[in-house]
């Protein structure tokens, strides 16, 4: 299976907020002991701004090796990656300035 990445439009940032109200523009949310982490669109620039890459093909929650394959390729290239595994697809948030290289590397992976 060849991985097929898709780049979402826009820039994203992580925020930590108190558990309770979720902003209507949140694209992801995770509740932790320390608070709630959300991923929201942003217009800011900076090293804490991310591009959102999703795998087009459905990735089973019981599949093995997919996360290892793309995380190893990105790590070997010095590209940080935060992974969100959802029910249908895997998602990666990479530094916005590294998005094109990340897309290239992921599209070259075959599992």
C-alpha atoms as a PDB file:
ATOM      1  CA  UNK A   1       0.000   0.000   0.000  1.00  0.00           C
ATOM      2  CA  UNK A   2       1.378   3.394  -0.991  1.00  0.00           C
ATOM      3  CA  UNK A   3       0.644   6.211   1.450  1.00  0.00           C
ATOM      4  CA  UNK A   4      -1.292   9.115  -0.062  1.00  0.00           C
ATOM      5  CA  UNK A   5      -1.035  12.332   1.976  1.00  0.00           C
ATOM      6  CA  UNK A   6      -3.376  15.285   1.655  1.00  0.00           C
ATOM      7  CA  UNK A   7      -2.479  18.733   2.956  1.00  0.00           C
ATOM      8  CA  UNK A   8      -5.326  20.617   4.627  1.00  0.00           C
ATOM      9  CA  UNK A   9      -5.660  24.279   3.770  1.00  0.00           C
ATOM     10  CA  UNK A  10      -4.428  26.717   6.371  1.00  0.00           C
ATOM     11  CA  UNK A  11      -2.231  26.815   9.423  1.00  0.00           C
ATOM     12  CA  UNK A  12      -2.950  25.275  12.814  1.00  0.00           C
ATOM     13  CA  UNK A  13      -1.811  25.704  16.404  1.00  0.00           C
ATOM     14  CA  UNK A  14      -2.124  23.768  19.641  1.00  0.00           C
ATOM     15  CA  UNK A  15      -3.722  25.448  22.655  1.00  0.00           C
ATOM     16  CA  UNK A  16      -4.237  24.255  26.191  1.00  0.00           C
ATOM     17  CA  UNK A  17      -7.523  25.371  27.712  1.00  0.00           C
ATOM     18  CA  UNK A  18      -9.592  24.534  30.772  1.00  0.00           C
ATOM     19  CA  UNK A  19     -11.874  21.538  30.372  1.00  0.00           C
ATOM     20  CA  UNK A  20     -15.385  22.686  29.554  1.00  0.00           C
ATOM     21  CA  UNK A  21     -16.072  24.994  26.662  1.00  0.00           C
ATOM     22  CA  UNK A  22     -14.665  23.974  23.282  1.00  0.00           C
ATOM     23  CA  UNK A  23     -14.252  26.710  20.667  1.00  0.00           C
ATOM     24  CA  UNK A  24     -16.430  26.141  17.615  1.00  0.00           C
ATOM     25  CA  UNK A  25     -13.385  26.218  15.326  1.00  0.00           C
ATOM     26  CA  UNK A  26     -11.552  23.377  17.128  1.00  0.00           C
ATOM     27  CA  UNK A  27     -10.483  20.635  14.721  1.00  0.00           C
ATOM     28  CA  UNK A  28      -9.276  18.261  17.429  1.00  0.00           C
ATOM     29  CA  UNK A  29      -9.534  17.967  21.193  1.00  0.00           C
ATOM     30  CA  UNK A  30      -7.924  15.740  23.791  1.00  0.00           C
ATOM     31  CA  UNK A  31      -8.648  15.849  27.499  1.00  0.00           C
ATOM     32  CA  UNK A  32      -5.642  15.267  29.757  1.00  0.00           C
ATOM     33  CA  UNK A  33      -5.168  15.548  33.507  1.00  0.00           C
ATOM     34  CA  UNK A  34      -3.623  19.009  33.104  1.00  0.00           C
ATOM     35  CA  UNK A  35      -6.396  20.392  30.883  1.00  0.00           C
ATOM     36  CA  UNK A  36      -7.789  20.169  27.378  1.00  0.00           C
ATOM     37  CA  UNK A  37      -5.575  20.339  24.304  1.00  0.00           C
ATOM     38  CA  UNK A  38      -7.210  21.656  21.151  1.00  0.00           C
ATOM     39  CA  UNK A  39      -5.979  22.178  17.610  1.00  0.00           C
ATOM     40  CA  UNK A  40      -7.403  25.285  15.965  1.00  0.00           C
ATOM     41  CA  UNK A  41      -6.819  27.241  12.759  1.00  0.00           C
ATOM     42  CA  UNK A  42      -4.536  30.245  13.017  1.00  0.00           C
ATOM     43  CA  UNK A  43      -3.320  33.092  10.879  1.00  0.00           C
ATOM     44  CA  UNK A  44      -0.147  33.516  12.937  1.00  0.00           C
ATOM     45  CA  UNK A  45       3.363  32.715  11.790  1.00  0.00           C
ATOM     46  CA  UNK A  46       6.065  31.164  13.939  1.00  0.00           C
ATOM     47  CA  UNK A  47       7.752  27.935  14.842  1.00  0.00           C
ATOM     48  CA  UNK A  48       4.706  26.770  16.819  1.00  0.00           C
ATOM     49  CA  UNK A  49       2.447  26.903  13.736  1.00  0.00           C
ATOM     50  CA  UNK A  50       1.692  23.630  11.992  1.00  0.00           C
ATOM     51  CA  UNK A  51       0.475  22.190   8.716  1.00  0.00           C
ATOM     52  CA  UNK A  52      -2.091  19.383   8.923  1.00  0.00           C
ATOM     53  CA  UNK A  53      -1.473  16.350   6.714  1.00  0.00           C
ATOM     54  CA  UNK A  54      -4.009  13.508   6.516  1.00  0.00           C
ATOM     55  CA  UNK A  55      -3.630  10.117   4.911  1.00  0.00           C
ATOM     56  CA  UNK A  56      -6.256   9.785   2.176  1.00  0.00           C
ATOM     57  CA  UNK A  57      -6.706   6.037   2.543  1.00  0.00           C
ATOM     58  CA  UNK A  58      -8.585   4.694   5.513  1.00  0.00           C
ATOM     59  CA  UNK A  59      -6.198   3.475   8.199  1.00  0.00           C
ATOM     60  CA  UNK A  60      -7.611   0.793  10.431  1.00  0.00           C
ATOM     61  CA  UNK A  61      -7.266   1.230  14.170  1.00  0.00           C
ATOM     62  CA  UNK A  62      -5.792  -2.281  14.234  1.00  0.00           C
ATOM     63  CA  UNK A  63      -3.276  -1.791  11.398  1.00  0.00           C
ATOM     64  CA  UNK A  64       0.401  -2.031  12.258  1.00  0.00           C
ATOM     65  CA  UNK A  65       3.426  -0.280  10.814  1.00  0.00           C
ATOM     66  CA  UNK A  66       1.768   2.787   9.290  1.00  0.00           C
ATOM     67  CA  UNK A  67       2.693   5.227  12.058  1.00  0.00           C
ATOM     68  CA  UNK A  68       6.193   3.742  12.252  1.00  0.00           C
ATOM     69  CA  UNK A  69       6.722   4.186   8.503  1.00  0.00           C
ATOM     70  CA  UNK A  70       5.814   7.862   8.268  1.00  0.00           C
ATOM     71  CA  UNK A  71       7.264   8.844  11.630  1.00  0.00           C
ATOM     72  CA  UNK A  72      10.613   7.199  10.771  1.00  0.00           C
ATOM     73  CA  UNK A  73      10.761   8.963   7.395  1.00  0.00           C
ATOM     74  CA  UNK A  74       9.963  12.331   8.965  1.00  0.00           C
ATOM     75  CA  UNK A  75      12.335  11.777  11.893  1.00  0.00           C
ATOM     76  CA  UNK A  76      15.193  10.777   9.587  1.00  0.00           C
ATOM     77  CA  UNK A  77      14.668  14.090   7.744  1.00  0.00           C
ATOM     78  CA  UNK A  78      14.600  16.081  11.006  1.00  0.00           C
ATOM     79  CA  UNK A  79      10.888  16.924  10.701  1.00  0.00           C
ATOM     80  CA  UNK A  80       8.976  16.964  14.014  1.00  0.00           C
ATOM     81  CA  UNK A  81       5.551  15.353  13.861  1.00  0.00           C
ATOM     82  CA  UNK A  82       2.558  15.228  16.175  1.00  0.00           C
ATOM     83  CA  UNK A  83       0.217  12.358  15.284  1.00  0.00           C
ATOM     84  CA  UNK A  84      -3.531  12.131  15.763  1.00  0.00           C
ATOM     85  CA  UNK A  85      -5.073   8.772  14.926  1.00  0.00           C
ATOM     86  CA  UNK A  86      -8.786   9.030  14.246  1.00  0.00           C
ATOM     87  CA  UNK A  87     -11.359   6.392  13.386  1.00  0.00           C
ATOM     88  CA  UNK A  88     -10.885   6.572   9.606  1.00  0.00           C
ATOM     89  CA  UNK A  89      -7.571   8.311   8.967  1.00  0.00           C
ATOM     90  CA  UNK A  90      -4.196   9.132  10.482  1.00  0.00           C
ATOM     91  CA  UNK A  91      -3.274  12.807  10.745  1.00  0.00           C
ATOM     92  CA  UNK A  92       0.097  14.481  11.184  1.00  0.00           C
ATOM     93  CA  UNK A  93       0.840  18.016  12.292  1.00  0.00           C
ATOM     94  CA  UNK A  94       4.270  19.136  11.120  1.00  0.00           C
ATOM     95  CA  UNK A  95       5.948  22.545  11.294  1.00  0.00           C
ATOM     96  CA  UNK A  96       4.303  24.696   8.640  1.00  0.00           C
ATOM     97  CA  UNK A  97       7.625  25.595   7.051  1.00  0.00           C
ATOM     98  CA  UNK A  98       8.428  21.879   6.558  1.00  0.00           C
ATOM     99  CA  UNK A  99       5.093  20.879   5.034  1.00  0.00           C
ATOM    100  CA  UNK A 100       6.258  20.441   1.436  1.00  0.00           C
ATOM    101  CA  UNK A 101       9.184  18.194   2.365  1.00  0.00           C
ATOM    102  CA  UNK A 102       6.907  16.182   4.670  1.00  0.00           C
ATOM    103  CA  UNK A 103       4.348  15.722   1.877  1.00  0.00           C
ATOM    104  CA  UNK A 104       7.085  14.531  -0.483  1.00  0.00           C
ATOM    105  CA  UNK A 105       8.514  12.049   2.018  1.00  0.00           C
ATOM    106  CA  UNK A 106       5.136  10.605   3.000  1.00  0.00           C
ATOM    107  CA  UNK A 107       4.052  10.194  -0.631  1.00  0.00           C
ATOM    108  CA  UNK A 108       7.183   8.080  -1.274  1.00  0.00           C
ATOM    109  CA  UNK A 109       6.310   5.518   1.439  1.00  0.00           C
ATOM    110  CA  UNK A 110       5.022   2.105   0.491  1.00  0.00           C
ATOM    111  CA  UNK A 111       4.014  -0.394   3.177  1.00  0.00           C
END
